[in-house]
Amino acid sequence: MNMTLESVTGAAGLLRQHPVLWSVGLVMGALAVLNLVIPIYGGAFYTEPLALLQVLVTPFLAGGVYGTIRAENFSVGEFVQSGKTYYFRILLPALVIFFAVILTIILLAIPLALIGAGAAATMAPLLLGVILSIAFFTFFYDTVAVFEETGVFESIRRSIEFVMNNLGSVLVFYLTNIVVFAVLGFLALFAWTALLLEKLEPLTTMSPDELQAVMPEDLLALIGTEGIWITAIVYAVVIVLFSVFLYAYKASFFRNHAGVSQMQQGEYDEKGRWYKY
């Protein structure tokens, strides 16, 4: 628990002292605005290219953040160099995990479809549970790839091993992120409501049945263009703050726990290879 709290304060210190680490949040925030605004204005055609752009950009940003923290060199040059160096070390395991999730869904969907629609609906929580389990154990693949410079499958294997060796701390890690995101979401909702109070006032006169009948397009028409941009900005602020916290916290958490975990589980040989007991 002490190391988990130390990871939080360590992440806060990194963000306070090194502005370059905010790059990941600023880019994610900009993409979030585009993903929200462009479909509203009829640019649904660009939704998939934007999603692909985010997938392609994220490994570079993650590599830049983790690489600068690992090297303790927080210059822009180091950020760019780390992003390029670790780009495929992060992207390729992510693709393997993605296809593993797709394969799992297919393997579970086939027997469920044969059983029948009723059984499929009943087993839907199981399908979600399997997907979440994969994400739970492989979440640290990118930090492993950078801090330990591992290959594609070794990054995934080490992430699973790291989670299993630090299960209690990892649960606290996930809980901390959930709490931070919930707090940011609550503050954002409060700010959004305060900024659009006059535009949202007609909703206060509606009955419960009328409120249930309100569609997203009705809400957009109610807040207007100004309200849409206010919504996008508030949403972007949440994404920026949560993204920079998540990446800095994740790096600090892994750095604080990985060394202890390995010291307890094995040893290096004369060639620098790691063997667990």
C-alpha atoms as a PDB file:
ATOM      1  CA  MET A   1       0.000   0.000   0.000  1.00  0.00           C
ATOM      2  CA  ASN A   2       2.839   2.403   0.848  1.00  0.00           C
ATOM      3  CA  MET A   3       4.462   1.855  -2.550  1.00  0.00           C
ATOM      4  CA  THR A   4       1.092   2.336  -4.245  1.00  0.00           C
ATOM      5  CA  LEU A   5       0.622   5.701  -2.540  1.00  0.00           C
ATOM      6  CA  GLU A   6       4.236   6.531  -3.333  1.00  0.00           C
ATOM      7  CA  SER A   7       3.464   5.833  -6.986  1.00  0.00           C
ATOM      8  CA  VAL A   8       0.627   8.373  -6.916  1.00  0.00           C
ATOM      9  CA  THR A   9       2.798  11.080  -5.371  1.00  0.00           C
ATOM     10  CA  GLY A  10       5.616  10.124  -7.743  1.00  0.00           C
ATOM     11  CA  ALA A  11       3.316  10.536 -10.740  1.00  0.00           C
ATOM     12  CA  ALA A  12       2.128  13.923  -9.451  1.00  0.00           C
ATOM     13  CA  GLY A  13       5.730  15.028  -8.975  1.00  0.00           C
ATOM     14  CA  LEU A  14       6.681  13.970 -12.488  1.00  0.00           C
ATOM     15  CA  LEU A  15       3.784  15.891 -14.019  1.00  0.00           C
ATOM     16  CA  ARG A  16       4.497  18.965 -11.921  1.00  0.00           C
ATOM     17  CA  GLN A  17       8.183  19.100 -12.821  1.00  0.00           C
ATOM     18  CA  HIS A  18       8.253  17.887 -16.449  1.00  0.00           C
ATOM     19  CA  PRO A  19       5.804  19.540 -18.887  1.00  0.00           C
ATOM     20  CA  VAL A  20       6.827  17.233 -21.751  1.00  0.00           C
ATOM     21  CA  LEU A  21       4.848  14.420 -20.081  1.00  0.00           C
ATOM     22  CA  TRP A  22       1.667  16.405 -20.724  1.00  0.00           C
ATOM     23  CA  SER A  23       2.106  15.785 -24.459  1.00  0.00           C
ATOM     24  CA  VAL A  24       0.156  12.539 -24.275  1.00  0.00           C
ATOM     25  CA  GLY A  25      -2.811  14.267 -22.649  1.00  0.00           C
ATOM     26  CA  LEU A  26      -2.829  17.218 -25.039  1.00  0.00           C
ATOM     27  CA  VAL A  27      -2.852  14.943 -28.085  1.00  0.00           C
ATOM     28  CA  MET A  28      -5.508  12.667 -26.579  1.00  0.00           C
ATOM     29  CA  GLY A  29      -7.599  15.708 -25.676  1.00  0.00           C
ATOM     30  CA  ALA A  30      -7.371  17.104 -29.209  1.00  0.00           C
ATOM     31  CA  LEU A  31      -8.391  13.750 -30.681  1.00  0.00           C
ATOM     32  CA  ALA A  32     -11.264  13.553 -28.187  1.00  0.00           C
ATOM     33  CA  VAL A  33     -12.601  16.928 -29.384  1.00  0.00           C
ATOM     34  CA  LEU A  34     -12.404  15.788 -33.003  1.00  0.00           C
ATOM     35  CA  ASN A  35     -14.108  12.473 -32.207  1.00  0.00           C
ATOM     36  CA  LEU A  36     -16.944  14.334 -30.487  1.00  0.00           C
ATOM     37  CA  VAL A  37     -17.441  17.320 -32.787  1.00  0.00           C
ATOM     38  CA  ILE A  38     -16.852  15.919 -36.285  1.00  0.00           C
ATOM     39  CA  PRO A  39     -19.683  13.288 -36.193  1.00  0.00           C
ATOM     40  CA  ILE A  40     -22.103  15.929 -34.864  1.00  0.00           C
ATOM     41  CA  TYR A  41     -21.434  18.144 -37.871  1.00  0.00           C
ATOM     42  CA  GLY A  42     -21.982  15.345 -40.334  1.00  0.00           C
ATOM     43  CA  GLY A  43     -18.446  14.060 -40.621  1.00  0.00           C
ATOM     44  CA  ALA A  44     -19.230  10.466 -39.640  1.00  0.00           C
ATOM     45  CA  PHE A  45     -17.050   9.359 -42.573  1.00  0.00           C
ATOM     46  CA  TYR A  46     -13.992  10.535 -40.616  1.00  0.00           C
ATOM     47  CA  THR A  47     -14.840   8.608 -37.431  1.00  0.00           C
ATOM     48  CA  GLU A  48     -12.984   5.439 -38.391  1.00  0.00           C
ATOM     49  CA  PRO A  49      -9.869   7.259 -39.729  1.00  0.00           C
ATOM     50  CA  LEU A  50      -9.719   9.245 -36.484  1.00  0.00           C
ATOM     51  CA  ALA A  51      -9.952   6.036 -34.448  1.00  0.00           C
ATOM     52  CA  LEU A  52      -7.166   4.519 -36.573  1.00  0.00           C
ATOM     53  CA  LEU A  53      -5.074   7.662 -36.098  1.00  0.00           C
ATOM     54  CA  GLN A  54      -5.452   7.374 -32.325  1.00  0.00           C
ATOM     55  CA  VAL A  55      -4.398   3.714 -32.436  1.00  0.00           C
ATOM     56  CA  LEU A  56      -1.301   4.616 -34.449  1.00  0.00           C
ATOM     57  CA  VAL A  57      -0.354   7.672 -32.383  1.00  0.00           C
ATOM     58  CA  THR A  58      -0.812   6.161 -28.911  1.00  0.00           C
ATOM     59  CA  PRO A  59       2.252   3.826 -29.016  1.00  0.00           C
ATOM     60  CA  PHE A  60       4.485   6.777 -29.920  1.00  0.00           C
ATOM     61  CA  LEU A  61       3.138   8.885 -27.051  1.00  0.00           C
ATOM     62  CA  ALA A  62       3.343   6.008 -24.563  1.00  0.00           C
ATOM     63  CA  GLY A  63       6.892   5.220 -25.663  1.00  0.00           C
ATOM     64  CA  GLY A  64       7.827   8.867 -25.256  1.00  0.00           C
ATOM     65  CA  VAL A  65       6.399   9.111 -21.739  1.00  0.00           C
ATOM     66  CA  TYR A  66       7.810   5.809 -20.489  1.00  0.00           C
ATOM     67  CA  GLY A  67      11.146   6.307 -22.239  1.00  0.00           C
ATOM     68  CA  THR A  68      11.786   9.729 -20.732  1.00  0.00           C
ATOM     69  CA  ILE A  69      10.830   8.476 -17.266  1.00  0.00           C
ATOM     70  CA  ARG A  70      13.062   5.428 -17.677  1.00  0.00           C
ATOM     71  CA  ALA A  71      16.016   7.527 -18.846  1.00  0.00           C
ATOM     72  CA  GLU A  72      15.234  10.338 -16.401  1.00  0.00           C
ATOM     73  CA  ASN A  73      15.828  12.710 -19.297  1.00  0.00           C
ATOM     74  CA  PHE A  74      12.764  14.875 -19.868  1.00  0.00           C
ATOM     75  CA  SER A  75      13.827  16.814 -22.936  1.00  0.00           C
ATOM     76  CA  VAL A  76      11.679  17.017 -26.055  1.00  0.00           C
ATOM     77  CA  GLY A  77      14.437  15.289 -28.022  1.00  0.00           C
ATOM     78  CA  GLU A  78      14.462  12.330 -25.629  1.00  0.00           C
ATOM     79  CA  PHE A  79      10.658  12.128 -25.788  1.00  0.00           C
ATOM     80  CA  VAL A  80      10.681  11.965 -29.595  1.00  0.00           C
ATOM     81  CA  GLN A  81      13.575   9.496 -29.679  1.00  0.00           C
ATOM     82  CA  SER A  82      11.915   7.231 -27.092  1.00  0.00           C
ATOM     83  CA  GLY A  83       8.641   7.379 -28.997  1.00  0.00           C
ATOM     84  CA  LYS A  84      10.384   6.171 -32.153  1.00  0.00           C
ATOM     85  CA  THR A  85      12.556   3.598 -30.370  1.00  0.00           C
ATOM     86  CA  TYR A  86       9.736   1.866 -28.526  1.00  0.00           C
ATOM     87  CA  TYR A  87       6.966   2.394 -31.092  1.00  0.00           C
ATOM     88  CA  PHE A  88       6.779  -1.155 -32.450  1.00  0.00           C
ATOM     89  CA  ARG A  89       7.658  -2.687 -29.061  1.00  0.00           C
ATOM     90  CA  ILE A  90       4.316  -1.238 -27.876  1.00  0.00           C
ATOM     91  CA  LEU A  91       2.215  -1.464 -31.055  1.00  0.00           C
ATOM     92  CA  LEU A  92       2.859  -5.119 -31.896  1.00  0.00           C
ATOM     93  CA  PRO A  93       1.887  -6.585 -28.484  1.00  0.00           C
ATOM     94  CA  ALA A  94      -1.223  -4.387 -28.566  1.00  0.00           C
ATOM     95  CA  LEU A  95      -2.218  -5.944 -31.893  1.00  0.00           C
ATOM     96  CA  VAL A  96      -1.589  -9.449 -30.518  1.00  0.00           C
ATOM     97  CA  ILE A  97      -3.808  -8.707 -27.510  1.00  0.00           C
ATOM     98  CA  PHE A  98      -6.490  -7.198 -29.755  1.00  0.00           C
ATOM     99  CA  PHE A  99      -6.615 -10.261 -32.004  1.00  0.00           C
ATOM    100  CA  ALA A 100      -6.594 -12.533 -28.951  1.00  0.00           C
ATOM    101  CA  VAL A 101      -9.702 -10.720 -27.694  1.00  0.00           C
ATOM    102  CA  ILE A 102     -11.372 -11.044 -31.124  1.00  0.00           C
ATOM    103  CA  LEU A 103     -10.504 -14.745 -31.284  1.00  0.00           C
ATOM    104  CA  THR A 104     -11.893 -15.262 -27.776  1.00  0.00           C
ATOM    105  CA  ILE A 105     -15.137 -13.546 -28.736  1.00  0.00           C
ATOM    106  CA  ILE A 106     -15.471 -15.743 -31.838  1.00  0.00           C
ATOM    107  CA  LEU A 107     -14.709 -18.956 -29.942  1.00  0.00           C
ATOM    108  CA  LEU A 108     -17.303 -18.085 -27.308  1.00  0.00           C
ATOM    109  CA  ALA A 109     -19.877 -16.740 -29.761  1.00  0.00           C
ATOM    110  CA  ILE A 110     -20.009 -19.886 -31.917  1.00  0.00           C
ATOM    111  CA  PRO A 111     -21.236 -22.322 -29.227  1.00  0.00           C
ATOM    112  CA  LEU A 112     -23.518 -19.647 -27.777  1.00  0.00           C
ATOM    113  CA  ALA A 113     -25.096 -19.104 -31.180  1.00  0.00           C
ATOM    114  CA  LEU A 114     -25.649 -22.855 -31.547  1.00  0.00           C
ATOM    115  CA  ILE A 115     -27.289 -23.063 -28.133  1.00  0.00           C
ATOM    116  CA  GLY A 116     -29.741 -20.280 -28.893  1.00  0.00           C
ATOM    117  CA  ALA A 117     -30.438 -16.594 -28.390  1.00  0.00           C
ATOM    118  CA  GLY A 118     -31.669 -17.055 -24.821  1.00  0.00           C
ATOM    119  CA  ALA A 119     -28.484 -18.784 -23.747  1.00  0.00           C
ATOM    120  CA  ALA A 120     -26.399 -16.204 -25.576  1.00  0.00           C
ATOM    121  CA  ALA A 121     -28.064 -13.395 -23.630  1.00  0.00           C
ATOM    122  CA  THR A 122     -27.474 -15.255 -20.371  1.00  0.00           C
ATOM    123  CA  MET A 123     -23.821 -15.857 -21.180  1.00  0.00           C
ATOM    124  CA  ALA A 124     -23.131 -12.258 -22.217  1.00  0.00           C
ATOM    125  CA  PRO A 125     -21.670 -11.394 -18.763  1.00  0.00           C
ATOM    126  CA  LEU A 126     -19.283 -14.332 -19.134  1.00  0.00           C
ATOM    127  CA  LEU A 127     -18.081 -12.979 -22.468  1.00  0.00           C
ATOM    128  CA  LEU A 128     -17.522  -9.542 -20.946  1.00  0.00           C
ATOM    129  CA  GLY A 129     -15.734 -11.123 -17.994  1.00  0.00           C
ATOM    130  CA  VAL A 130     -13.309 -12.975 -20.261  1.00  0.00           C
ATOM    131  CA  ILE A 131     -12.511  -9.805 -22.201  1.00  0.00           C
ATOM    132  CA  LEU A 132     -11.969  -7.810 -19.016  1.00  0.00           C
ATOM    133  CA  SER A 133      -9.745 -10.582 -17.662  1.00  0.00           C
ATOM    134  CA  ILE A 134      -7.496 -10.375 -20.700  1.00  0.00           C
ATOM    135  CA  ALA A 135      -7.267  -6.606 -20.322  1.00  0.00           C
ATOM    136  CA  PHE A 136      -6.671  -6.924 -16.575  1.00  0.00           C
ATOM    137  CA  PHE A 137      -3.630  -9.169 -16.904  1.00  0.00           C
ATOM    138  CA  THR A 138      -2.083  -7.654 -20.043  1.00  0.00           C
ATOM    139  CA  PHE A 139      -2.509  -3.974 -19.119  1.00  0.00           C
ATOM    140  CA  PHE A 140       1.166  -3.454 -18.262  1.00  0.00           C
ATOM    141  CA  TYR A 141       2.533  -4.856 -21.524  1.00  0.00           C
ATOM    142  CA  ASP A 142       3.634  -1.392 -22.709  1.00  0.00           C
ATOM    143  CA  THR A 143       5.497  -0.468 -19.529  1.00  0.00           C
ATOM    144  CA  VAL A 144       7.204  -3.874 -19.609  1.00  0.00           C
ATOM    145  CA  ALA A 145       8.159  -3.324 -23.261  1.00  0.00           C
ATOM    146  CA  VAL A 146       9.895  -0.037 -22.421  1.00  0.00           C
ATOM    147  CA  PHE A 147      11.323  -0.542 -18.931  1.00  0.00           C
ATOM    148  CA  GLU A 148      12.520  -4.097 -19.616  1.00  0.00           C
ATOM    149  CA  GLU A 149      12.953  -3.809 -23.408  1.00  0.00           C
ATOM    150  CA  THR A 150      11.228  -7.116 -24.051  1.00  0.00           C
ATOM    151  CA  GLY A 151       9.912  -8.629 -27.275  1.00  0.00           C
ATOM    152  CA  VAL A 152       6.290  -8.957 -28.354  1.00  0.00           C
ATOM    153  CA  PHE A 153       5.213 -12.109 -26.534  1.00  0.00           C
ATOM    154  CA  GLU A 154       7.601 -11.612 -23.628  1.00  0.00           C
ATOM    155  CA  SER A 155       5.981  -8.235 -22.925  1.00  0.00           C
ATOM    156  CA  ILE A 156       2.592  -9.891 -22.638  1.00  0.00           C
ATOM    157  CA  ARG A 157       3.929 -12.773 -20.550  1.00  0.00           C
ATOM    158  CA  ARG A 158       5.761 -10.441 -18.188  1.00  0.00           C
ATOM    159  CA  SER A 159       2.665  -8.263 -17.801  1.00  0.00           C
ATOM    160  CA  ILE A 160       0.666 -11.304 -16.710  1.00  0.00           C
ATOM    161  CA  GLU A 161       3.453 -12.342 -14.341  1.00  0.00           C
ATOM    162  CA  PHE A 162       3.742  -8.821 -12.934  1.00  0.00           C
ATOM    163  CA  VAL A 163      -0.006  -8.617 -12.228  1.00  0.00           C
ATOM    164  CA  MET A 164      -0.066 -12.041 -10.568  1.00  0.00           C
ATOM    165  CA  ASN A 165       2.964 -11.231  -8.396  1.00  0.00           C
ATOM    166  CA  ASN A 166       1.478  -7.891  -7.289  1.00  0.00           C
ATOM    167  CA  LEU A 167      -2.233  -8.693  -7.382  1.00  0.00           C
ATOM    168  CA  GLY A 168      -3.244  -6.668  -4.319  1.00  0.00           C
ATOM    169  CA  SER A 169      -1.300  -3.598  -5.378  1.00  0.00           C
ATOM    170  CA  VAL A 170      -2.602  -3.869  -8.942  1.00  0.00           C
ATOM    171  CA  LEU A 171      -6.181  -3.946  -7.664  1.00  0.00           C
ATOM    172  CA  VAL A 172      -5.467  -0.759  -5.717  1.00  0.00           C
ATOM    173  CA  PHE A 173      -3.917   0.682  -8.891  1.00  0.00           C
ATOM    174  CA  TYR A 174      -7.083   0.020 -10.883  1.00  0.00           C
ATOM    175  CA  LEU A 175      -9.288   1.305  -8.078  1.00  0.00           C
ATOM    176  CA  THR A 176      -7.247   4.510  -7.843  1.00  0.00           C
ATOM    177  CA  ASN A 177      -7.680   5.144 -11.561  1.00  0.00           C
ATOM    178  CA  ILE A 178     -11.406   4.504 -11.324  1.00  0.00           C
ATOM    179  CA  VAL A 179     -11.737   6.938  -8.430  1.00  0.00           C
ATOM    180  CA  VAL A 180      -9.698   9.614 -10.222  1.00  0.00           C
ATOM    181  CA  PHE A 181     -11.780   9.212 -13.378  1.00  0.00           C
ATOM    182  CA  ALA A 182     -15.033   9.316 -11.386  1.00  0.00           C
ATOM    183  CA  VAL A 183     -13.957  12.488  -9.567  1.00  0.00           C
ATOM    184  CA  LEU A 184     -12.930  14.156 -12.825  1.00  0.00           C
ATOM    185  CA  GLY A 185     -16.221  13.082 -14.398  1.00  0.00           C
ATOM    186  CA  PHE A 186     -18.246  14.484 -11.502  1.00  0.00           C
ATOM    187  CA  LEU A 187     -16.374  17.805 -11.586  1.00  0.00           C
ATOM    188  CA  ALA A 188     -16.773  17.966 -15.362  1.00  0.00           C
ATOM    189  CA  LEU A 189     -20.513  17.305 -15.113  1.00  0.00           C
ATOM    190  CA  PHE A 190     -20.822  20.031 -12.475  1.00  0.00           C
ATOM    191  CA  ALA A 191     -18.855  22.501 -14.620  1.00  0.00           C
ATOM    192  CA  TRP A 192     -20.820  21.563 -17.761  1.00  0.00           C
ATOM    193  CA  THR A 193     -24.139  22.061 -15.993  1.00  0.00           C
ATOM    194  CA  ALA A 194     -23.036  25.406 -14.540  1.00  0.00           C
ATOM    195  CA  LEU A 195     -21.822  26.692 -17.920  1.00  0.00           C
ATOM    196  CA  LEU A 196     -25.006  25.615 -19.731  1.00  0.00           C
ATOM    197  CA  LEU A 197     -27.473  26.312 -16.928  1.00  0.00           C
ATOM    198  CA  GLU A 198     -29.580  28.737 -18.937  1.00  0.00           C
ATOM    199  CA  LYS A 199     -29.724  26.489 -21.998  1.00  0.00           C
ATOM    200  CA  LEU A 200     -30.651  23.442 -19.890  1.00  0.00           C
ATOM    201  CA  GLU A 201     -33.331  25.261 -17.898  1.00  0.00           C
ATOM    202  CA  PRO A 202     -36.235  23.960 -20.087  1.00  0.00           C
ATOM    203  CA  LEU A 203     -35.390  20.433 -18.900  1.00  0.00           C
ATOM    204  CA  THR A 204     -36.349  21.398 -15.348  1.00  0.00           C
ATOM    205  CA  THR A 205     -39.958  21.996 -16.419  1.00  0.00           C
ATOM    206  CA  MET A 206     -40.373  18.602 -18.072  1.00  0.00           C
ATOM    207  CA  SER A 207     -42.090  15.632 -16.502  1.00  0.00           C
ATOM    208  CA  PRO A 208     -40.200  12.352 -15.953  1.00  0.00           C
ATOM    209  CA  ASP A 209     -41.889  10.833 -18.999  1.00  0.00           C
ATOM    210  CA  GLU A 210     -40.884  13.796 -21.152  1.00  0.00           C
ATOM    211  CA  LEU A 211     -37.286  13.578 -19.917  1.00  0.00           C
ATOM    212  CA  GLN A 212     -37.133   9.899 -20.847  1.00  0.00           C
ATOM    213  CA  ALA A 213     -38.318  10.785 -24.346  1.00  0.00           C
ATOM    214  CA  VAL A 214     -35.505  13.322 -24.869  1.00  0.00           C
ATOM    215  CA  MET A 215     -33.118  12.067 -27.567  1.00  0.00           C
ATOM    216  CA  PRO A 216     -29.452  13.071 -27.995  1.00  0.00           C
ATOM    217  CA  GLU A 217     -30.331  15.167 -31.038  1.00  0.00           C
ATOM    218  CA  ASP A 218     -32.949  17.019 -28.963  1.00  0.00           C
ATOM    219  CA  LEU A 219     -30.308  17.823 -26.352  1.00  0.00           C
ATOM    220  CA  LEU A 220     -27.898  19.036 -29.031  1.00  0.00           C
ATOM    221  CA  ALA A 221     -30.574  21.300 -30.476  1.00  0.00           C
ATOM    222  CA  LEU A 222     -31.270  22.642 -26.998  1.00  0.00           C
ATOM    223  CA  ILE A 223     -27.666  23.604 -26.186  1.00  0.00           C
ATOM    224  CA  GLY A 224     -26.835  24.829 -29.696  1.00  0.00           C
ATOM    225  CA  THR A 225     -23.439  25.330 -31.312  1.00  0.00           C
ATOM    226  CA  GLU A 226     -21.990  27.134 -28.306  1.00  0.00           C
ATOM    227  CA  GLY A 227     -23.093  24.344 -26.010  1.00  0.00           C
ATOM    228  CA  ILE A 228     -21.575  21.707 -28.288  1.00  0.00           C
ATOM    229  CA  TRP A 229     -18.173  23.401 -28.139  1.00  0.00           C
ATOM    230  CA  ILE A 230     -18.423  23.879 -24.381  1.00  0.00           C
ATOM    231  CA  THR A 231     -19.209  20.171 -24.085  1.00  0.00           C
ATOM    232  CA  ALA A 232     -16.235  19.289 -26.283  1.00  0.00           C
ATOM    233  CA  ILE A 233     -13.873  21.486 -24.253  1.00  0.00           C
ATOM    234  CA  VAL A 234     -15.038  20.096 -20.908  1.00  0.00           C
ATOM    235  CA  TYR A 235     -14.728  16.560 -22.270  1.00  0.00           C
ATOM    236  CA  ALA A 236     -11.231  17.328 -23.598  1.00  0.00           C
ATOM    237  CA  VAL A 237     -10.113  18.666 -20.206  1.00  0.00           C
ATOM    238  CA  VAL A 238     -11.184  15.395 -18.559  1.00  0.00           C
ATOM    239  CA  ILE A 239      -9.315  13.346 -21.177  1.00  0.00           C
ATOM    240  CA  VAL A 240      -6.175  15.494 -20.860  1.00  0.00           C
ATOM    241  CA  LEU A 241      -6.055  15.288 -17.066  1.00  0.00           C
ATOM    242  CA  PHE A 242      -6.881  11.592 -16.855  1.00  0.00           C
ATOM    243  CA  SER A 243      -4.492  10.607 -19.664  1.00  0.00           C
ATOM    244  CA  VAL A 244      -1.483  12.372 -18.190  1.00  0.00           C
ATOM    245  CA  PHE A 245      -2.250  10.944 -14.754  1.00  0.00           C
ATOM    246  CA  LEU A 246      -2.782   7.412 -16.057  1.00  0.00           C
ATOM    247  CA  TYR A 247       0.480   7.220 -18.005  1.00  0.00           C
ATOM    248  CA  ALA A 248       2.615   8.875 -15.327  1.00  0.00           C
ATOM    249  CA  TYR A 249       1.012   6.790 -12.571  1.00  0.00           C
ATOM    250  CA  LYS A 250       1.343   3.590 -14.559  1.00  0.00           C
ATOM    251  CA  ALA A 251       5.048   4.211 -15.190  1.00  0.00           C
ATOM    252  CA  SER A 252       5.696   5.166 -11.563  1.00  0.00           C
ATOM    253  CA  PHE A 253       3.727   2.175 -10.286  1.00  0.00           C
ATOM    254  CA  PHE A 254       5.522  -0.313 -12.536  1.00  0.00           C
ATOM    255  CA  ARG A 255       8.936   1.122 -11.758  1.00  0.00           C
ATOM    256  CA  ASN A 256       8.277   0.906  -8.009  1.00  0.00           C
ATOM    257  CA  HIS A 257       6.934  -2.658  -8.071  1.00  0.00           C
ATOM    258  CA  ALA A 258       8.710  -4.482 -10.917  1.00  0.00           C
ATOM    259  CA  GLY A 259      12.154  -4.486  -9.274  1.00  0.00           C
ATOM    260  CA  VAL A 260      10.782  -5.843  -6.003  1.00  0.00           C
ATOM    261  CA  SER A 261       8.780  -8.492  -7.832  1.00  0.00           C
ATOM    262  CA  GLN A 262      11.773  -9.728  -9.807  1.00  0.00           C
ATOM    263  CA  MET A 263      14.073  -9.726  -6.779  1.00  0.00           C
ATOM    264  CA  GLN A 264      11.629 -12.029  -5.027  1.00  0.00           C
ATOM    265  CA  GLN A 265      11.087 -14.369  -7.964  1.00  0.00           C
ATOM    266  CA  GLY A 266      14.456 -15.187  -9.558  1.00  0.00           C
ATOM    267  CA  GLU A 267      17.902 -14.058 -10.652  1.00  0.00           C
ATOM    268  CA  TYR A 268      19.940 -12.958 -13.682  1.00  0.00           C
ATOM    269  CA  ASP A 269      22.538 -15.246 -15.233  1.00  0.00           C
ATOM    270  CA  GLU A 270      25.980 -14.156 -16.447  1.00  0.00           C
ATOM    271  CA  LYS A 271      24.513 -13.086 -19.815  1.00  0.00           C
ATOM    272  CA  GLY A 272      21.919 -10.826 -18.229  1.00  0.00           C
ATOM    273  CA  ARG A 273      18.985 -13.178 -18.853  1.00  0.00           C
ATOM    274  CA  TRP A 274      16.333 -13.445 -16.163  1.00  0.00           C
ATOM    275  CA  TYR A 275      15.322 -16.809 -14.703  1.00  0.00           C
ATOM    276  CA  LYS A 276      12.597 -17.103 -12.120  1.00  0.00           C
ATOM    277  CA  TYR A 277      12.636 -19.751  -9.404  1.00  0.00           C
END
